[in-house]
Amino acid sequence: MRAAPAKALAPIAVLTLLAACGPTLYMPPKPDPTKAPEYAEAVDRLAALDRQAEAAFKAGRTQEAASDITQGQPYQSFLLSAPRPTLPAMEAASDLDDIYARMMLAGHRDGWARMFYQKNAARWRTWKPESPESAARLRQAEAGLAECDRRLKQQ
């Protein structure tokens, strides 16, 4: 075999050098949003709104509970936007959905209630590491789903 002429190898050598001079593929990791002070503040604020909504709902003040739930939704979205939300954030988000589901169930909006129970069931079915608390929350969501299904079959 004959060696390739130098003219034919020149473009390959130029391309190899250009590729070596290009930007690196390394990208520094993004900062963890759960470490930011505003994340912890949002967890605390959502947990407080959950408690307020729960108390209002139990006292029969559904409009007040609905207002607290509505105020909590932006916090919930912010907390769940983290790639790996913290357990307290997940619990606060779950509590908000649970209260909302129970309100929907009380108002005979069984399909909507089912959607919120389903979100919680999916949330806790995939939570790692599993714990007695996460298992209890999963059972609670599945019980809500069963109640919704029972009601929807009666319609």
C-alpha atoms as a PDB file:
ATOM      1  CA  MET A   1       0.000   0.000   0.000  1.00  0.00           C
ATOM      2  CA  ARG A   2       1.088   3.480  -0.691  1.00  0.00           C
ATOM      3  CA  ALA A   3       1.218   6.129   1.986  1.00  0.00           C
ATOM      4  CA  ALA A   4      -1.390   8.848   1.683  1.00  0.00           C
ATOM      5  CA  PRO A   5      -0.072  12.085   0.297  1.00  0.00           C
ATOM      6  CA  ALA A   6       0.549  14.848   2.801  1.00  0.00           C
ATOM      7  CA  LYS A   7      -2.032  17.068   1.098  1.00  0.00           C
ATOM      8  CA  ALA A   8      -4.792  14.545   1.903  1.00  0.00           C
ATOM      9  CA  LEU A   9      -3.849  14.358   5.595  1.00  0.00           C
ATOM     10  CA  ALA A  10      -3.629  18.130   6.100  1.00  0.00           C
ATOM     11  CA  PRO A  11      -7.416  18.716   6.517  1.00  0.00           C
ATOM     12  CA  ILE A  12      -7.649  15.900   9.059  1.00  0.00           C
ATOM     13  CA  ALA A  13      -4.765  17.343  11.061  1.00  0.00           C
ATOM     14  CA  VAL A  14      -6.322  20.825  11.005  1.00  0.00           C
ATOM     15  CA  LEU A  15      -9.702  19.502  12.159  1.00  0.00           C
ATOM     16  CA  THR A  16      -8.083  17.511  14.960  1.00  0.00           C
ATOM     17  CA  LEU A  17      -6.237  20.600  16.200  1.00  0.00           C
ATOM     18  CA  LEU A  18      -9.408  22.727  16.015  1.00  0.00           C
ATOM     19  CA  ALA A  19     -11.391  20.142  17.971  1.00  0.00           C
ATOM     20  CA  ALA A  20      -8.696  20.045  20.646  1.00  0.00           C
ATOM     21  CA  CYS A  21      -8.815  23.826  20.991  1.00  0.00           C
ATOM     22  CA  GLY A  22     -12.609  23.981  21.387  1.00  0.00           C
ATOM     23  CA  PRO A  23     -14.498  24.486  24.634  1.00  0.00           C
ATOM     24  CA  THR A  24     -14.301  21.719  27.162  1.00  0.00           C
ATOM     25  CA  LEU A  25     -17.270  19.475  27.791  1.00  0.00           C
ATOM     26  CA  TYR A  26     -16.933  19.999  31.533  1.00  0.00           C
ATOM     27  CA  MET A  27     -19.700  22.060  33.003  1.00  0.00           C
ATOM     28  CA  PRO A  28     -19.492  22.992  36.654  1.00  0.00           C
ATOM     29  CA  PRO A  29     -22.376  21.644  38.718  1.00  0.00           C
ATOM     30  CA  LYS A  30     -25.289  23.953  39.340  1.00  0.00           C
ATOM     31  CA  PRO A  31     -25.693  25.080  42.930  1.00  0.00           C
ATOM     32  CA  ASP A  32     -28.145  23.014  44.968  1.00  0.00           C
ATOM     33  CA  PRO A  33     -31.271  25.191  45.435  1.00  0.00           C
ATOM     34  CA  THR A  34     -32.171  23.309  48.624  1.00  0.00           C
ATOM     35  CA  LYS A  35     -29.120  24.836  50.337  1.00  0.00           C
ATOM     36  CA  ALA A  36     -30.286  28.403  49.736  1.00  0.00           C
ATOM     37  CA  PRO A  37     -31.823  30.268  52.692  1.00  0.00           C
ATOM     38  CA  GLU A  38     -34.940  31.106  50.673  1.00  0.00           C
ATOM     39  CA  TYR A  39     -35.618  27.392  50.220  1.00  0.00           C
ATOM     40  CA  ALA A  40     -35.787  26.799  53.982  1.00  0.00           C
ATOM     41  CA  GLU A  41     -37.925  29.920  54.357  1.00  0.00           C
ATOM     42  CA  ALA A  42     -40.328  28.619  51.696  1.00  0.00           C
ATOM     43  CA  VAL A  43     -40.582  25.267  53.505  1.00  0.00           C
ATOM     44  CA  ASP A  44     -41.428  27.043  56.766  1.00  0.00           C
ATOM     45  CA  ARG A  45     -43.951  29.331  55.078  1.00  0.00           C
ATOM     46  CA  LEU A  46     -45.690  26.471  53.275  1.00  0.00           C
ATOM     47  CA  ALA A  47     -45.832  24.387  56.448  1.00  0.00           C
ATOM     48  CA  ALA A  48     -47.429  27.355  58.271  1.00  0.00           C
ATOM     49  CA  LEU A  49     -49.991  27.783  55.489  1.00  0.00           C
ATOM     50  CA  ASP A  50     -50.714  24.047  55.663  1.00  0.00           C
ATOM     51  CA  ARG A  51     -51.424  24.337  59.389  1.00  0.00           C
ATOM     52  CA  GLN A  52     -53.647  27.374  58.841  1.00  0.00           C
ATOM     53  CA  ALA A  53     -55.578  25.660  56.044  1.00  0.00           C
ATOM     54  CA  GLU A  54     -55.994  22.506  58.123  1.00  0.00           C
ATOM     55  CA  ALA A  55     -57.330  24.455  61.108  1.00  0.00           C
ATOM     56  CA  ALA A  56     -59.692  26.489  58.945  1.00  0.00           C
ATOM     57  CA  PHE A  57     -60.974  23.391  57.151  1.00  0.00           C
ATOM     58  CA  LYS A  58     -61.595  21.561  60.433  1.00  0.00           C
ATOM     59  CA  ALA A  59     -63.452  24.623  61.752  1.00  0.00           C
ATOM     60  CA  GLY A  60     -65.666  24.700  58.650  1.00  0.00           C
ATOM     61  CA  ARG A  61     -64.141  27.900  57.275  1.00  0.00           C
ATOM     62  CA  THR A  62     -63.665  26.546  53.772  1.00  0.00           C
ATOM     63  CA  GLN A  63     -63.152  29.929  52.112  1.00  0.00           C
ATOM     64  CA  GLU A  64     -60.286  30.705  54.472  1.00  0.00           C
ATOM     65  CA  ALA A  65     -58.811  27.247  53.912  1.00  0.00           C
ATOM     66  CA  ALA A  66     -59.084  27.703  50.145  1.00  0.00           C
ATOM     67  CA  SER A  67     -57.301  31.042  50.420  1.00  0.00           C
ATOM     68  CA  ASP A  68     -54.465  29.474  52.420  1.00  0.00           C
ATOM     69  CA  ILE A  69     -54.158  26.678  49.859  1.00  0.00           C
ATOM     70  CA  THR A  70     -54.035  29.185  47.005  1.00  0.00           C
ATOM     71  CA  GLN A  71     -51.341  31.184  48.820  1.00  0.00           C
ATOM     72  CA  GLY A  72     -49.343  27.989  49.351  1.00  0.00           C
ATOM     73  CA  GLN A  73     -49.307  26.852  45.729  1.00  0.00           C
ATOM     74  CA  PRO A  74     -46.458  29.157  44.564  1.00  0.00           C
ATOM     75  CA  TYR A  75     -44.343  27.952  47.504  1.00  0.00           C
ATOM     76  CA  GLN A  76     -45.167  24.364  46.628  1.00  0.00           C
ATOM     77  CA  SER A  77     -44.124  24.900  42.995  1.00  0.00           C
ATOM     78  CA  PHE A  78     -40.879  26.559  44.066  1.00  0.00           C
ATOM     79  CA  LEU A  79     -39.994  23.754  46.491  1.00  0.00           C
ATOM     80  CA  LEU A  80     -40.770  20.986  44.031  1.00  0.00           C
ATOM     81  CA  SER A  81     -38.761  22.653  41.256  1.00  0.00           C
ATOM     82  CA  ALA A  82     -35.544  21.532  42.952  1.00  0.00           C
ATOM     83  CA  PRO A  83     -33.986  18.472  41.310  1.00  0.00           C
ATOM     84  CA  ARG A  84     -34.072  16.640  44.653  1.00  0.00           C
ATOM     85  CA  PRO A  85     -36.480  18.319  47.103  1.00  0.00           C
ATOM     86  CA  THR A  86     -35.803  17.849  50.788  1.00  0.00           C
ATOM     87  CA  LEU A  87     -38.010  15.641  52.947  1.00  0.00           C
ATOM     88  CA  PRO A  88     -39.532  18.633  54.819  1.00  0.00           C
ATOM     89  CA  ALA A  89     -40.319  20.282  51.470  1.00  0.00           C
ATOM     90  CA  MET A  90     -41.914  17.108  50.161  1.00  0.00           C
ATOM     91  CA  GLU A  91     -43.963  16.734  53.351  1.00  0.00           C
ATOM     92  CA  ALA A  92     -45.187  20.336  53.176  1.00  0.00           C
ATOM     93  CA  ALA A  93     -46.115  19.950  49.501  1.00  0.00           C
ATOM     94  CA  SER A  94     -47.855  16.678  50.267  1.00  0.00           C
ATOM     95  CA  ASP A  95     -49.803  18.193  53.155  1.00  0.00           C
ATOM     96  CA  LEU A  96     -51.062  20.989  50.907  1.00  0.00           C
ATOM     97  CA  ASP A  97     -52.301  18.482  48.315  1.00  0.00           C
ATOM     98  CA  ASP A  98     -53.860  16.309  51.025  1.00  0.00           C
ATOM     99  CA  ILE A  99     -55.840  19.217  52.472  1.00  0.00           C
ATOM    100  CA  TYR A 100     -56.925  20.244  49.001  1.00  0.00           C
ATOM    101  CA  ALA A 101     -58.007  16.681  48.184  1.00  0.00           C
ATOM    102  CA  ARG A 102     -60.076  16.452  51.366  1.00  0.00           C
ATOM    103  CA  MET A 103     -61.719  19.780  50.562  1.00  0.00           C
ATOM    104  CA  MET A 104     -62.569  18.558  47.076  1.00  0.00           C
ATOM    105  CA  LEU A 105     -63.972  15.329  48.518  1.00  0.00           C
ATOM    106  CA  ALA A 106     -66.102  17.265  51.012  1.00  0.00           C
ATOM    107  CA  GLY A 107     -67.444  19.355  48.135  1.00  0.00           C
ATOM    108  CA  HIS A 108     -68.277  16.208  46.117  1.00  0.00           C
ATOM    109  CA  ARG A 109     -65.610  16.979  43.533  1.00  0.00           C
ATOM    110  CA  ASP A 110     -64.436  13.391  43.585  1.00  0.00           C
ATOM    111  CA  GLY A 111     -62.484  13.480  40.314  1.00  0.00           C
ATOM    112  CA  TRP A 112     -60.456  16.489  41.441  1.00  0.00           C
ATOM    113  CA  ALA A 113     -59.862  14.932  44.838  1.00  0.00           C
ATOM    114  CA  ARG A 114     -58.643  11.774  43.128  1.00  0.00           C
ATOM    115  CA  MET A 115     -56.106  13.772  41.131  1.00  0.00           C
ATOM    116  CA  PHE A 116     -54.573  15.255  44.293  1.00  0.00           C
ATOM    117  CA  TYR A 117     -54.523  11.898  46.080  1.00  0.00           C
ATOM    118  CA  GLN A 118     -52.887  10.395  42.987  1.00  0.00           C
ATOM    119  CA  LYS A 119     -50.155  13.060  43.080  1.00  0.00           C
ATOM    120  CA  ASN A 120     -49.441  12.197  46.697  1.00  0.00           C
ATOM    121  CA  ALA A 121     -49.457   8.469  46.033  1.00  0.00           C
ATOM    122  CA  ALA A 122     -46.947   8.901  43.198  1.00  0.00           C
ATOM    123  CA  ARG A 123     -44.856  11.213  45.354  1.00  0.00           C
ATOM    124  CA  TRP A 124     -44.522   8.731  48.214  1.00  0.00           C
ATOM    125  CA  ARG A 125     -44.342   5.590  46.075  1.00  0.00           C
ATOM    126  CA  THR A 126     -41.114   6.874  44.533  1.00  0.00           C
ATOM    127  CA  TRP A 127     -39.601   8.546  47.614  1.00  0.00           C
ATOM    128  CA  LYS A 128     -36.163   7.270  48.576  1.00  0.00           C
ATOM    129  CA  PRO A 129     -35.132   6.343  51.176  1.00  0.00           C
ATOM    130  CA  GLU A 130     -38.401   4.792  52.233  1.00  0.00           C
ATOM    131  CA  SER A 131     -39.297   5.373  55.866  1.00  0.00           C
ATOM    132  CA  PRO A 132     -42.218   4.584  58.170  1.00  0.00           C
ATOM    133  CA  GLU A 133     -43.442   8.166  57.627  1.00  0.00           C
ATOM    134  CA  SER A 134     -43.309   7.910  53.824  1.00  0.00           C
ATOM    135  CA  ALA A 135     -45.079   4.528  53.983  1.00  0.00           C
ATOM    136  CA  ALA A 136     -47.801   6.015  56.204  1.00  0.00           C
ATOM    137  CA  ARG A 137     -48.269   8.925  53.819  1.00  0.00           C
ATOM    138  CA  LEU A 138     -48.526   6.495  50.897  1.00  0.00           C
ATOM    139  CA  ARG A 139     -51.190   4.482  52.742  1.00  0.00           C
ATOM    140  CA  GLN A 140     -53.094   7.706  53.473  1.00  0.00           C
ATOM    141  CA  ALA A 141     -53.033   8.715  49.798  1.00  0.00           C
ATOM    142  CA  GLU A 142     -54.093   5.230  48.690  1.00  0.00           C
ATOM    143  CA  ALA A 143     -56.987   5.293  51.182  1.00  0.00           C
ATOM    144  CA  GLY A 144     -58.078   8.622  49.688  1.00  0.00           C
ATOM    145  CA  LEU A 145     -57.857   7.134  46.198  1.00  0.00           C
ATOM    146  CA  ALA A 146     -59.975   4.172  47.272  1.00  0.00           C
ATOM    147  CA  GLU A 147     -62.620   6.507  48.711  1.00  0.00           C
ATOM    148  CA  CYS A 148     -62.674   8.554  45.515  1.00  0.00           C
ATOM    149  CA  ASP A 149     -62.995   5.409  43.408  1.00  0.00           C
ATOM    150  CA  ARG A 150     -65.830   4.147  45.590  1.00  0.00           C
ATOM    151  CA  ARG A 151     -67.698   7.434  45.207  1.00  0.00           C
ATOM    152  CA  LEU A 152     -67.059   7.654  41.481  1.00  0.00           C
ATOM    153  CA  LYS A 153     -68.488   4.143  40.973  1.00  0.00           C
ATOM    154  CA  GLN A 154     -71.688   5.195  42.758  1.00  0.00           C
ATOM    155  CA  GLN A 155     -72.291   8.064  40.358  1.00  0.00           C
END
